N, C-alpha and C. Protein backbone atom coordinates (compact mmCIF):
# COMPACT_ATOMS: atom_id res chain seq x y z
N MET A 1 3.38 -1.68 -14.08
CA MET A 1 2.31 -2.79 -14.10
C MET A 1 1.89 -2.88 -12.73
N LYS A 2 2.61 -4.25 -11.85
CA LYS A 2 2.57 -4.42 -10.63
C LYS A 2 2.16 -2.89 -9.50
N GLN A 3 2.05 -1.70 -9.79
CA GLN A 3 1.96 -0.96 -8.85
C GLN A 3 0.35 -0.96 -10.08
N PHE A 4 -0.08 -0.53 -10.11
CA PHE A 4 -1.38 -1.12 -11.05
C PHE A 4 -2.15 -1.98 -10.94
N ILE A 5 -1.99 -2.97 -10.45
CA ILE A 5 -2.35 -4.57 -10.12
C ILE A 5 -2.77 -4.07 -8.76
N ASP A 6 -1.70 -3.82 -7.54
CA ASP A 6 -2.29 -3.86 -6.62
C ASP A 6 -2.80 -2.47 -6.31
N PHE A 7 -3.36 -1.54 -6.83
CA PHE A 7 -4.36 -0.49 -7.34
C PHE A 7 -5.66 -0.59 -7.09
N ILE A 8 -5.72 -1.92 -8.18
CA ILE A 8 -7.88 -2.32 -8.38
C ILE A 8 -8.62 -2.51 -7.57
N PRO A 9 -7.91 -3.12 -6.76
CA PRO A 9 -8.95 -2.41 -5.49
C PRO A 9 -9.29 -1.60 -4.54
N LEU A 10 -8.32 -1.02 -3.63
CA LEU A 10 -8.59 0.55 -3.64
C LEU A 10 -9.78 0.86 -4.61
N LEU A 11 -9.34 1.13 -6.04
CA LEU A 11 -10.11 2.22 -6.73
C LEU A 11 -11.30 1.53 -6.64
N LEU A 12 -11.94 -0.19 -6.86
CA LEU A 12 -12.88 -0.25 -6.71
C LEU A 12 -13.54 -0.35 -5.42
N PHE A 13 -12.93 -0.02 -4.26
CA PHE A 13 -13.54 0.07 -3.52
C PHE A 13 -14.40 1.62 -3.75
N PHE A 14 -12.84 2.54 -3.92
CA PHE A 14 -13.50 4.30 -3.96
C PHE A 14 -14.88 4.17 -5.01
N ILE A 15 -14.97 3.45 -5.74
CA ILE A 15 -15.82 4.04 -6.59
C ILE A 15 -17.27 3.59 -6.51
N VAL A 16 -17.17 2.37 -5.64
CA VAL A 16 -18.39 1.51 -5.42
C VAL A 16 -18.61 2.95 -3.84
N PHE A 17 -17.53 3.09 -2.93
CA PHE A 17 -18.10 4.34 -2.02
C PHE A 17 -19.25 5.23 -2.27
N LYS A 18 -18.73 6.04 -3.05
CA LYS A 18 -19.09 7.20 -4.52
C LYS A 18 -20.65 6.89 -4.32
N LEU A 19 -21.05 5.89 -4.91
CA LEU A 19 -21.71 5.11 -5.02
C LEU A 19 -23.03 5.25 -4.19
N GLU A 20 -24.40 6.20 -4.87
CA GLU A 20 -25.36 6.68 -3.81
C GLU A 20 -25.81 4.65 -3.37
N PRO A 21 -25.84 5.19 -2.16
CA PRO A 21 -26.98 3.24 -1.57
C PRO A 21 -28.48 3.36 -2.55
N ARG A 22 -27.60 2.00 -2.82
CA ARG A 22 -29.21 1.69 -3.32
C ARG A 22 -30.02 -0.03 -2.98
N ASP A 23 -31.05 -0.54 -3.16
CA ASP A 23 -31.20 -1.92 -3.01
C ASP A 23 -31.27 -2.44 -4.35
N ILE A 24 -30.49 -3.92 -4.88
CA ILE A 24 -30.42 -4.16 -5.97
C ILE A 24 -30.80 -5.33 -5.90
N GLU A 25 -31.66 -6.46 -6.84
CA GLU A 25 -32.76 -7.19 -6.65
C GLU A 25 -31.71 -8.47 -7.22
N LEU A 26 -30.82 -9.24 -6.48
CA LEU A 26 -29.70 -9.98 -7.43
C LEU A 26 -30.63 -11.54 -6.79
N ALA A 27 -31.09 -12.41 -7.97
CA ALA A 27 -31.74 -13.57 -7.67
C ALA A 27 -32.14 -14.32 -6.18
N GLY A 28 -33.40 -12.87 -6.04
CA GLY A 28 -34.73 -13.35 -4.91
C GLY A 28 -33.68 -12.59 -3.57
N HIS A 29 -32.65 -11.57 -4.57
CA HIS A 29 -32.63 -11.07 -2.93
C HIS A 29 -31.85 -10.03 -2.69
N VAL A 30 -32.52 -9.08 -1.72
CA VAL A 30 -32.15 -7.61 -1.67
C VAL A 30 -30.85 -7.51 -0.94
N ILE A 31 -30.65 -6.66 -2.15
CA ILE A 31 -28.78 -6.35 -1.61
C ILE A 31 -28.37 -5.38 -1.92
N SER A 32 -28.46 -4.68 -0.78
CA SER A 32 -27.65 -2.65 -0.40
C SER A 32 -26.31 -2.94 -0.99
N PHE A 33 -26.03 -1.58 -2.10
CA PHE A 33 -24.83 -1.12 -3.08
C PHE A 33 -24.76 0.41 -2.88
N GLY A 34 -23.05 0.04 -2.54
CA GLY A 34 -22.89 1.96 -2.77
C GLY A 34 -22.73 2.04 -0.66
N GLY A 35 -21.96 2.99 -0.41
CA GLY A 35 -21.36 3.23 0.78
C GLY A 35 -20.49 2.23 1.59
N ILE A 36 -20.52 2.75 2.70
CA ILE A 36 -19.04 2.41 3.05
C ILE A 36 -19.01 0.41 3.46
N PHE A 37 -20.48 -0.08 3.47
CA PHE A 37 -20.09 -1.64 4.04
C PHE A 37 -19.98 -2.29 1.72
N SER A 38 -20.68 -1.61 1.91
CA SER A 38 -21.02 -2.36 0.37
C SER A 38 -19.55 -2.04 -0.50
N ALA A 39 -18.78 -0.35 -0.11
CA ALA A 39 -17.44 -0.87 -0.56
C ALA A 39 -16.08 -1.39 -0.08
N THR A 40 -17.03 -2.55 1.20
CA THR A 40 -15.86 -3.05 1.95
C THR A 40 -15.94 -3.93 1.60
N ALA A 41 -17.20 -4.88 1.09
CA ALA A 41 -17.00 -6.02 0.43
C ALA A 41 -16.53 -6.71 -0.56
N ILE A 42 -16.66 -5.03 -1.08
CA ILE A 42 -16.41 -5.46 -2.51
C ILE A 42 -14.01 -5.40 -2.36
N LEU A 43 -14.46 -5.02 -1.80
CA LEU A 43 -12.53 -4.16 -1.56
C LEU A 43 -12.17 -5.78 -0.87
N VAL A 44 -12.88 -6.30 0.23
CA VAL A 44 -12.72 -7.97 0.14
C VAL A 44 -11.93 -8.61 -0.84
N ILE A 45 -13.16 -8.72 -1.65
CA ILE A 45 -13.85 -9.70 -2.78
C ILE A 45 -12.53 -9.38 -3.31
N SER A 46 -12.14 -8.20 -3.68
CA SER A 46 -11.80 -7.85 -5.61
C SER A 46 -9.88 -7.67 -4.91
N SER A 47 -9.53 -7.71 -3.89
CA SER A 47 -8.43 -8.26 -2.41
C SER A 47 -7.76 -10.20 -3.59
N VAL A 48 -9.04 -10.66 -2.03
CA VAL A 48 -8.73 -11.86 -3.30
C VAL A 48 -8.95 -12.23 -4.46
N LEU A 49 -9.67 -11.53 -5.38
CA LEU A 49 -9.69 -12.55 -6.97
C LEU A 49 -8.20 -11.53 -7.39
N VAL A 50 -7.74 -10.40 -6.89
CA VAL A 50 -6.04 -9.98 -7.79
C VAL A 50 -5.01 -10.17 -7.04
N TYR A 51 -4.65 -11.27 -5.80
CA TYR A 51 -3.72 -11.49 -4.77
C TYR A 51 -4.01 -12.89 -5.32
N GLY A 52 -4.97 -13.65 -5.30
CA GLY A 52 -5.03 -14.43 -5.53
C GLY A 52 -4.58 -15.11 -7.15
N SER A 53 -5.41 -14.18 -8.01
CA SER A 53 -4.66 -14.60 -9.43
C SER A 53 -2.78 -14.73 -9.95
N LEU A 54 -2.51 -12.91 -8.72
CA LEU A 54 -1.10 -13.24 -8.76
C LEU A 54 -0.63 -14.31 -8.31
N PHE A 55 -0.72 -15.07 -7.61
CA PHE A 55 -0.14 -16.31 -6.47
C PHE A 55 0.05 -17.31 -7.39
N LEU A 56 -1.70 -17.22 -8.43
CA LEU A 56 -1.71 -18.81 -9.12
C LEU A 56 -1.13 -18.50 -9.86
N ALA A 57 -0.89 -16.87 -11.06
CA ALA A 57 0.32 -16.92 -12.05
C ALA A 57 2.08 -16.40 -11.61
N HIS A 58 2.70 -16.86 -10.20
CA HIS A 58 3.27 -16.30 -10.53
C HIS A 58 4.08 -17.05 -9.15
N ARG A 59 2.98 -18.04 -8.78
CA ARG A 59 3.62 -19.50 -7.34
C ARG A 59 4.32 -18.52 -6.65
N ARG A 60 3.91 -17.34 -6.26
CA ARG A 60 4.05 -15.91 -4.66
C ARG A 60 3.54 -15.16 -4.43
N LEU A 61 3.70 -14.78 -2.93
CA LEU A 61 2.80 -13.18 -3.06
C LEU A 61 4.59 -12.38 -2.65
N GLU A 62 4.97 -10.93 -3.00
CA GLU A 62 5.57 -10.34 -2.39
C GLU A 62 5.34 -9.74 -0.99
N LYS A 63 5.77 -10.38 0.28
CA LYS A 63 5.74 -10.34 2.12
C LYS A 63 4.54 -8.29 2.01
N SER A 64 4.77 -7.70 0.73
CA SER A 64 4.53 -6.73 1.78
C SER A 64 2.87 -6.82 1.00
N GLN A 65 2.55 -7.74 -0.81
CA GLN A 65 1.16 -7.89 -0.62
C GLN A 65 0.70 -9.07 0.38
N TRP A 66 1.06 -9.94 0.97
CA TRP A 66 0.68 -10.78 1.44
C TRP A 66 0.45 -9.21 2.85
N ILE A 67 0.91 -9.10 3.09
CA ILE A 67 0.83 -8.49 4.51
C ILE A 67 -0.54 -7.27 3.83
N THR A 68 -0.51 -6.36 2.70
CA THR A 68 -1.48 -6.01 2.27
C THR A 68 -3.07 -6.74 2.11
N LEU A 69 -3.24 -7.83 2.26
CA LEU A 69 -4.37 -9.20 1.68
C LEU A 69 -4.42 -8.89 3.07
N VAL A 70 -3.52 -9.81 3.86
CA VAL A 70 -3.88 -9.51 5.18
C VAL A 70 -4.77 -8.94 5.70
N GLY A 71 -4.19 -7.43 6.42
CA GLY A 71 -4.62 -6.35 6.10
C GLY A 71 -5.97 -5.72 6.28
N CYS A 72 -6.08 -6.05 4.79
CA CYS A 72 -7.87 -5.99 4.17
C CYS A 72 -8.21 -7.23 4.29
N LEU A 73 -8.29 -8.53 5.00
CA LEU A 73 -9.08 -9.18 5.11
C LEU A 73 -9.90 -9.01 6.35
N PHE A 74 -8.00 -9.21 7.56
CA PHE A 74 -8.93 -8.67 8.94
C PHE A 74 -9.48 -7.50 8.95
N PHE A 75 -9.13 -6.48 8.79
CA PHE A 75 -9.89 -5.55 9.21
C PHE A 75 -11.02 -5.18 7.92
N GLY A 76 -11.37 -5.61 7.24
CA GLY A 76 -12.49 -5.65 6.66
C GLY A 76 -13.19 -6.67 6.37
N GLY A 77 -13.31 -7.67 6.42
CA GLY A 77 -13.83 -9.03 8.18
C GLY A 77 -14.24 -8.44 8.64
N LEU A 78 -13.60 -7.19 9.66
CA LEU A 78 -13.71 -6.52 10.97
C LEU A 78 -15.54 -5.66 11.02
N THR A 79 -14.94 -5.36 9.72
CA THR A 79 -15.79 -4.07 9.40
C THR A 79 -17.09 -4.37 9.21
N LEU A 80 -16.91 -5.26 7.80
CA LEU A 80 -18.93 -6.61 7.62
C LEU A 80 -18.80 -6.83 8.71
N ALA A 81 -18.27 -8.16 9.85
CA ALA A 81 -19.06 -8.65 10.79
C ALA A 81 -19.64 -7.51 11.87
N PHE A 82 -18.96 -6.68 12.30
CA PHE A 82 -19.57 -6.17 13.06
C PHE A 82 -20.38 -4.14 12.61
N HIS A 83 -20.27 -4.26 11.52
CA HIS A 83 -20.89 -3.30 10.63
C HIS A 83 -20.88 -2.33 11.37
N SER A 84 -19.44 -1.68 10.98
CA SER A 84 -18.25 -1.02 11.95
C SER A 84 -16.73 -0.24 10.51
N GLU A 85 -17.68 0.67 10.59
CA GLU A 85 -16.33 1.64 9.39
C GLU A 85 -14.92 1.96 10.33
N THR A 86 -15.28 1.94 12.02
CA THR A 86 -14.17 2.34 12.05
C THR A 86 -12.66 1.04 12.41
N PHE A 87 -13.68 -0.21 12.41
CA PHE A 87 -12.39 -1.65 12.00
C PHE A 87 -10.90 -0.86 11.23
N LEU A 88 -12.21 -0.36 9.34
CA LEU A 88 -11.34 -0.43 8.55
C LEU A 88 -10.48 1.11 8.45
N LYS A 89 -10.68 1.89 9.46
CA LYS A 89 -10.30 3.06 9.54
C LYS A 89 -8.78 2.58 10.45
N TRP A 90 -8.73 1.91 10.74
CA TRP A 90 -7.65 1.70 11.14
C TRP A 90 -5.82 0.42 10.64
N LYS A 91 -7.69 0.07 9.04
CA LYS A 91 -6.88 -1.32 8.03
C LYS A 91 -5.20 0.02 7.74
N ALA A 92 -5.39 1.35 6.82
CA ALA A 92 -4.57 2.13 6.79
C ALA A 92 -3.04 1.95 7.48
N PRO A 93 -3.86 2.47 8.64
CA PRO A 93 -2.76 3.10 9.74
C PRO A 93 -1.48 1.34 9.82
N VAL A 94 -2.26 0.54 10.46
CA VAL A 94 -1.55 -0.10 10.44
C VAL A 94 -1.12 -1.59 9.84
N VAL A 95 -1.57 -1.39 8.79
CA VAL A 95 -0.59 -1.60 6.89
C VAL A 95 1.13 -0.55 7.45
N ASN A 96 0.09 0.63 7.39
CA ASN A 96 1.81 1.15 7.06
C ASN A 96 2.73 0.95 8.13
N TRP A 97 2.19 1.38 8.86
CA TRP A 97 3.04 1.37 10.81
C TRP A 97 3.80 -1.07 10.81
N LEU A 98 3.55 -1.72 10.29
CA LEU A 98 4.25 -2.49 9.87
C LEU A 98 4.86 -2.82 8.74
N PHE A 99 4.80 -2.25 7.63
CA PHE A 99 6.20 -1.98 6.80
C PHE A 99 7.37 -1.01 7.85
N ALA A 100 5.89 0.25 8.12
CA ALA A 100 7.90 0.91 8.92
C ALA A 100 8.05 0.16 10.15
N LEU A 101 8.02 -1.43 10.86
CA LEU A 101 8.65 -2.07 11.49
C LEU A 101 9.25 -2.63 10.38
N GLY A 102 9.14 -3.15 9.54
CA GLY A 102 9.96 -4.12 9.32
C GLY A 102 11.33 -3.13 8.12
N PHE A 103 11.35 -2.02 7.58
CA PHE A 103 12.02 -1.63 7.55
C PHE A 103 13.15 -1.37 8.78
N ALA A 104 12.47 -1.56 9.68
CA ALA A 104 12.78 -0.97 11.31
C ALA A 104 13.79 -2.16 11.34
N GLY A 105 13.30 -3.01 11.33
CA GLY A 105 13.76 -4.64 12.09
C GLY A 105 14.87 -4.99 10.79
N SER A 106 14.41 -4.55 9.95
CA SER A 106 15.28 -5.02 9.05
C SER A 106 17.78 -4.26 9.11
N HIS A 107 17.60 -3.22 10.33
CA HIS A 107 18.67 -2.89 10.60
C HIS A 107 19.17 -3.83 11.78
N PHE A 108 18.42 -4.23 11.89
CA PHE A 108 19.21 -5.94 13.21
C PHE A 108 18.95 -7.27 12.66
N ILE A 109 17.96 -7.52 11.64
CA ILE A 109 17.85 -8.61 11.49
C ILE A 109 17.92 -8.60 9.37
N GLY A 110 19.22 -9.97 9.52
CA GLY A 110 19.62 -10.04 7.94
C GLY A 110 20.41 -8.60 8.29
N GLU A 111 21.97 -8.60 6.88
CA GLU A 111 22.86 -8.42 6.84
C GLU A 111 22.67 -6.68 6.74
N GLN A 112 21.66 -6.81 5.10
CA GLN A 112 22.00 -5.67 5.00
C GLN A 112 19.68 -4.70 5.32
N PRO A 113 19.47 -3.45 5.25
CA PRO A 113 18.70 -2.99 4.77
C PRO A 113 17.28 -2.75 3.75
N LEU A 114 16.50 -3.34 4.60
CA LEU A 114 15.64 -3.78 3.31
C LEU A 114 15.62 -3.09 1.93
N ILE A 115 15.47 -1.71 2.07
CA ILE A 115 15.09 -1.04 0.97
C ILE A 115 16.32 -1.17 -0.01
N LYS A 116 17.90 -1.31 0.57
CA LYS A 116 19.04 -2.58 -0.24
C LYS A 116 18.36 -3.62 -0.77
N ARG A 117 18.07 -4.17 -0.01
CA ARG A 117 17.27 -5.57 -0.98
C ARG A 117 16.55 -5.37 -1.64
N VAL A 118 15.94 -4.39 -1.33
CA VAL A 118 14.60 -3.80 -2.99
C VAL A 118 14.82 -3.35 -3.39
N MET A 119 15.80 -2.48 -3.79
CA MET A 119 16.77 -2.10 -4.54
C MET A 119 17.74 -1.75 -5.11
N GLY A 120 19.05 -2.58 -4.65
CA GLY A 120 19.99 -2.95 -4.58
C GLY A 120 20.44 -3.86 -6.46
N HIS A 121 19.89 -4.84 -6.53
CA HIS A 121 20.24 -5.32 -7.93
C HIS A 121 19.53 -3.63 -8.65
N ALA A 122 19.71 -2.27 -8.79
CA ALA A 122 19.18 -2.05 -10.00
C ALA A 122 20.81 -0.54 -9.70
N VAL A 123 21.18 -0.65 -8.30
CA VAL A 123 21.54 0.41 -8.02
C VAL A 123 22.28 0.69 -7.35
N SER A 124 23.65 0.74 -6.84
CA SER A 124 25.27 0.76 -6.26
C SER A 124 25.13 1.99 -5.69
N LEU A 125 24.93 2.24 -4.27
CA LEU A 125 25.04 3.08 -2.55
C LEU A 125 26.06 2.84 -2.12
N PRO A 126 26.39 4.01 -1.29
CA PRO A 126 27.58 2.91 -0.07
C PRO A 126 26.59 2.63 1.27
N ASP A 127 27.14 1.88 1.97
CA ASP A 127 26.15 1.35 2.83
C ASP A 127 25.26 3.33 3.78
N ARG A 128 26.17 3.69 4.09
CA ARG A 128 25.77 4.87 4.68
C ARG A 128 24.79 5.61 4.45
N ILE A 129 24.56 5.56 2.72
CA ILE A 129 23.73 5.80 2.00
C ILE A 129 22.36 5.15 2.01
N TRP A 130 22.27 3.65 2.04
CA TRP A 130 21.34 2.55 2.38
C TRP A 130 20.56 3.21 3.44
N THR A 131 21.30 2.66 4.58
CA THR A 131 21.13 3.71 6.20
C THR A 131 20.37 4.14 6.04
N ARG A 132 20.40 5.53 5.26
CA ARG A 132 19.74 6.63 5.38
C ARG A 132 18.68 6.98 4.70
N LEU A 133 18.64 5.58 3.68
CA LEU A 133 17.65 5.75 2.52
C LEU A 133 16.38 4.98 3.94
N ASN A 134 17.04 3.58 3.84
CA ASN A 134 15.77 3.14 4.85
C ASN A 134 15.39 3.88 6.01
N ILE A 135 15.81 4.62 6.67
CA ILE A 135 15.48 5.11 7.33
C ILE A 135 14.69 6.34 7.18
N ALA A 136 14.65 6.14 6.09
CA ALA A 136 13.95 7.24 5.53
C ALA A 136 12.11 6.53 5.62
N TRP A 137 12.49 6.05 5.08
CA TRP A 137 11.11 5.23 4.66
C TRP A 137 10.61 4.05 5.67
N ILE A 138 11.24 4.10 6.75
CA ILE A 138 10.93 4.00 8.09
C ILE A 138 10.54 5.31 9.07
N VAL A 139 10.59 7.28 8.48
CA VAL A 139 9.82 7.40 8.71
C VAL A 139 8.80 7.94 7.93
N PHE A 140 8.16 7.47 6.45
CA PHE A 140 7.70 8.21 5.81
C PHE A 140 5.97 7.55 6.37
N PHE A 141 6.63 5.75 5.81
CA PHE A 141 5.39 4.99 6.11
C PHE A 141 4.60 5.46 7.35
N LEU A 142 5.75 5.54 9.17
CA LEU A 142 5.44 6.20 10.16
C LEU A 142 4.72 7.95 9.89
N PHE A 143 4.88 8.04 9.07
CA PHE A 143 4.13 9.30 8.73
C PHE A 143 2.69 9.37 8.03
N LEU A 144 2.55 8.33 6.48
CA LEU A 144 1.68 7.98 6.33
C LEU A 144 0.31 7.46 7.19
N GLY A 145 1.30 6.56 7.98
CA GLY A 145 -0.19 5.78 8.65
C GLY A 145 -0.31 6.60 10.33
N THR A 146 0.48 7.83 10.33
CA THR A 146 -0.35 8.67 11.21
C THR A 146 -1.70 9.86 10.66
N SER A 147 -0.72 9.89 9.41
CA SER A 147 -1.72 11.42 9.12
C SER A 147 -3.23 10.29 8.50
N ASN A 148 -3.15 9.34 7.56
CA ASN A 148 -4.17 7.73 7.70
C ASN A 148 -5.51 8.02 8.99
N LEU A 149 -4.46 8.22 9.92
CA LEU A 149 -5.71 8.06 11.61
C LEU A 149 -5.80 9.74 11.28
N PHE A 150 -5.35 10.04 11.51
CA PHE A 150 -5.63 11.47 12.39
C PHE A 150 -6.48 11.33 11.26
N VAL A 151 -6.68 12.02 9.83
CA VAL A 151 -7.75 12.40 9.02
C VAL A 151 -8.64 11.43 9.43
N ALA A 152 -8.82 9.32 9.31
CA ALA A 152 -9.46 8.96 9.20
C ALA A 152 -10.89 9.41 10.49
N PHE A 153 -10.23 9.30 11.66
CA PHE A 153 -10.27 9.47 12.92
C PHE A 153 -11.47 11.71 12.88
N ASN A 154 -10.33 12.25 12.42
CA ASN A 154 -10.70 13.51 12.65
C ASN A 154 -11.31 14.42 12.10
N PHE A 155 -11.62 13.87 10.65
CA PHE A 155 -12.20 14.50 9.26
C PHE A 155 -12.64 13.17 9.00
N PRO A 156 -14.25 13.02 8.74
CA PRO A 156 -14.47 11.43 8.51
C PRO A 156 -14.81 11.56 7.19
N SER A 157 -15.27 12.92 6.95
CA SER A 157 -16.33 13.12 6.19
C SER A 157 -15.16 13.26 4.09
N ILE A 158 -13.61 12.97 4.18
CA ILE A 158 -13.07 12.99 3.48
C ILE A 158 -11.85 12.42 4.11
N TRP A 159 -12.68 11.44 4.79
CA TRP A 159 -11.45 9.91 5.32
C TRP A 159 -10.41 9.35 3.79
N VAL A 160 -12.15 8.06 3.01
CA VAL A 160 -12.21 7.80 1.85
C VAL A 160 -11.24 8.44 0.27
N ASP A 161 -11.94 9.76 0.61
CA ASP A 161 -11.34 10.54 -0.28
C ASP A 161 -9.23 10.57 -0.30
N PHE A 162 -9.25 11.15 1.52
CA PHE A 162 -7.45 10.71 1.00
C PHE A 162 -7.58 9.85 1.70
N LYS A 163 -7.53 8.15 2.39
CA LYS A 163 -6.74 7.02 1.67
C LYS A 163 -6.48 7.23 0.46
N VAL A 164 -7.94 7.04 -0.47
CA VAL A 164 -7.19 6.78 -1.41
C VAL A 164 -5.64 7.56 -2.69
N PHE A 165 -6.20 9.14 -2.56
CA PHE A 165 -5.75 10.47 -2.94
C PHE A 165 -4.63 10.37 -1.96
N GLY A 166 -4.76 11.53 -1.27
CA GLY A 166 -3.71 12.09 -0.02
C GLY A 166 -2.65 11.35 -0.07
N SER A 167 -2.64 9.25 0.05
CA SER A 167 -1.88 8.67 0.42
C SER A 167 -1.15 8.18 -1.06
N LEU A 168 -2.01 8.53 -2.41
CA LEU A 168 -1.32 8.11 -3.33
C LEU A 168 -0.29 9.39 -3.71
N GLY A 169 -1.57 10.59 -3.42
CA GLY A 169 -0.40 12.11 -3.57
C GLY A 169 1.13 12.19 -2.52
N MET A 170 1.16 11.78 -1.70
CA MET A 170 2.28 11.40 -0.45
C MET A 170 2.88 10.48 -1.04
N THR A 171 3.05 9.36 -1.33
CA THR A 171 3.66 8.54 -2.19
C THR A 171 4.28 8.68 -3.42
N VAL A 172 4.00 9.54 -3.68
CA VAL A 172 4.14 10.05 -5.65
C VAL A 172 5.17 10.64 -4.72
N LEU A 173 4.86 12.24 -3.90
CA LEU A 173 5.72 12.95 -3.51
C LEU A 173 7.02 12.70 -3.11
N PHE A 174 6.88 11.73 -2.14
CA PHE A 174 8.23 10.70 -1.44
C PHE A 174 9.66 10.11 -2.25
N LEU A 175 8.30 9.48 -3.07
CA LEU A 175 9.30 8.89 -4.46
C LEU A 175 10.01 9.33 -5.56
N ILE A 176 9.67 11.26 -6.15
CA ILE A 176 9.91 11.92 -6.64
C ILE A 176 11.15 12.26 -5.39
N GLY A 177 11.50 12.51 -4.12
CA GLY A 177 11.94 13.02 -3.59
C GLY A 177 13.09 12.30 -3.61
N GLN A 178 13.21 10.80 -3.98
CA GLN A 178 14.19 9.61 -3.18
C GLN A 178 15.09 9.82 -5.07
N GLY A 179 13.94 9.95 -5.27
CA GLY A 179 14.53 10.28 -6.97
C GLY A 179 15.03 11.09 -6.92
N ILE A 180 14.78 12.64 -6.61
CA ILE A 180 15.87 13.51 -6.40
C ILE A 180 17.23 12.81 -5.38
N PHE A 181 17.21 12.35 -4.80
CA PHE A 181 18.54 12.56 -3.71
C PHE A 181 18.97 11.14 -4.70
N LEU A 182 18.77 10.20 -4.99
CA LEU A 182 19.23 9.15 -4.80
C LEU A 182 19.65 9.60 -6.76
N SER A 183 19.67 10.84 -7.36
CA SER A 183 20.77 10.98 -7.93
C SER A 183 21.64 11.83 -8.39
N ARG A 184 21.82 11.79 -6.95
CA ARG A 184 23.22 12.70 -6.96
C ARG A 184 24.68 11.92 -6.13
N TYR A 185 23.57 10.38 -6.65
CA TYR A 185 24.78 9.00 -6.56
C TYR A 185 25.01 8.55 -7.81
N MET A 186 24.08 8.65 -8.64
CA MET A 186 23.51 8.15 -10.02
C MET A 186 25.53 8.54 -11.03
N GLN A 187 25.67 7.84 -11.47
CA GLN A 187 26.67 8.11 -12.07
C GLN A 187 27.22 7.15 -13.56
N ASP A 188 26.64 7.45 -14.94
CA ASP A 188 26.92 7.05 -16.14
C ASP A 188 28.20 5.50 -15.80
N THR A 189 27.68 4.09 -17.09
CA THR A 189 28.96 3.69 -16.63
C THR A 189 29.56 4.35 -17.49
N PRO A 190 30.96 4.25 -17.72
CA PRO A 190 31.67 4.96 -18.69
C PRO A 190 31.63 3.64 -20.09
N VAL A 191 31.63 4.06 -21.17
CA VAL A 191 31.57 3.16 -22.09
C VAL A 191 33.11 3.01 -22.95
N ASN A 192 33.43 1.56 -22.84
CA ASN A 192 35.13 1.15 -23.43
C ASN A 192 35.15 1.71 -25.46
N PRO A 193 35.58 2.35 -25.36
CA PRO A 193 35.54 2.30 -27.50
C PRO A 193 36.07 1.64 -27.42
N ASN A 194 37.26 1.07 -26.82
CA ASN A 194 38.35 -0.43 -27.66
C ASN A 194 36.70 -1.89 -27.50
N LYS A 195 35.43 -2.54 -27.08
CA LYS A 195 35.27 -3.12 -26.79
C LYS A 195 33.87 -2.84 -27.30
N GLU A 196 33.63 -4.39 -28.07
CA GLU A 196 32.94 -4.14 -29.04
C GLU A 196 31.04 -5.06 -28.26
C-alpha cells in the first residue's frame, strides 16, 4: 500500500503531462492545463498533499519520503519559477544519487548497513551478505540516477515515459533479482511437533 501511495504524485504528473495543453477558465482566471509545467505544479501539490497526509496520520515520514518530498519541492519549484524543465530533469538523478549516498554512508556511519536496518527485522543473513546486498543497492541507485539523466538530456521526447515506466520497470526487475538472490539464504523454520 505504501508503495502505491508514494506513486500517486508521479502518476498524476504523468497523466497531466500527457494531456494536450489547453486553457481553462477558473474563477475569472485563465489557467493553462496539460504539458510539463502544469504537470510539475500537480506533482508539487499532490506531493505536499500525499506526504502531508501521511505525516498527519503517522506523525512521521520515512527518510526516503522526506528526500523525495524535498527533491520534488526544490526541483519542481525551480522548474516553475524559471519556467525551465531542465531543473525537473535533474530531480530523479539527484534523488537516486542521494539514496545511493545514504546506502554508501551506512558502511561508515552506524553499526550496520542501511539495507540491514530496513530489512533486518524480516530476514536473518550473515553480515557479508548484508554488505553485498547494500552494495547492490548503491550500484542500483547510481545506475538508476545515471540512466534517468542520460535519457532526460539525450532522448527528451521519451523522458517522462522513461521516468515513470522505465524506472519502475528497472526497480521491479532489481527487486525480483534481489528476491532470487535472497531465496538461497531463506530457510523454513523447523516446526517442533511437541510444541502446542
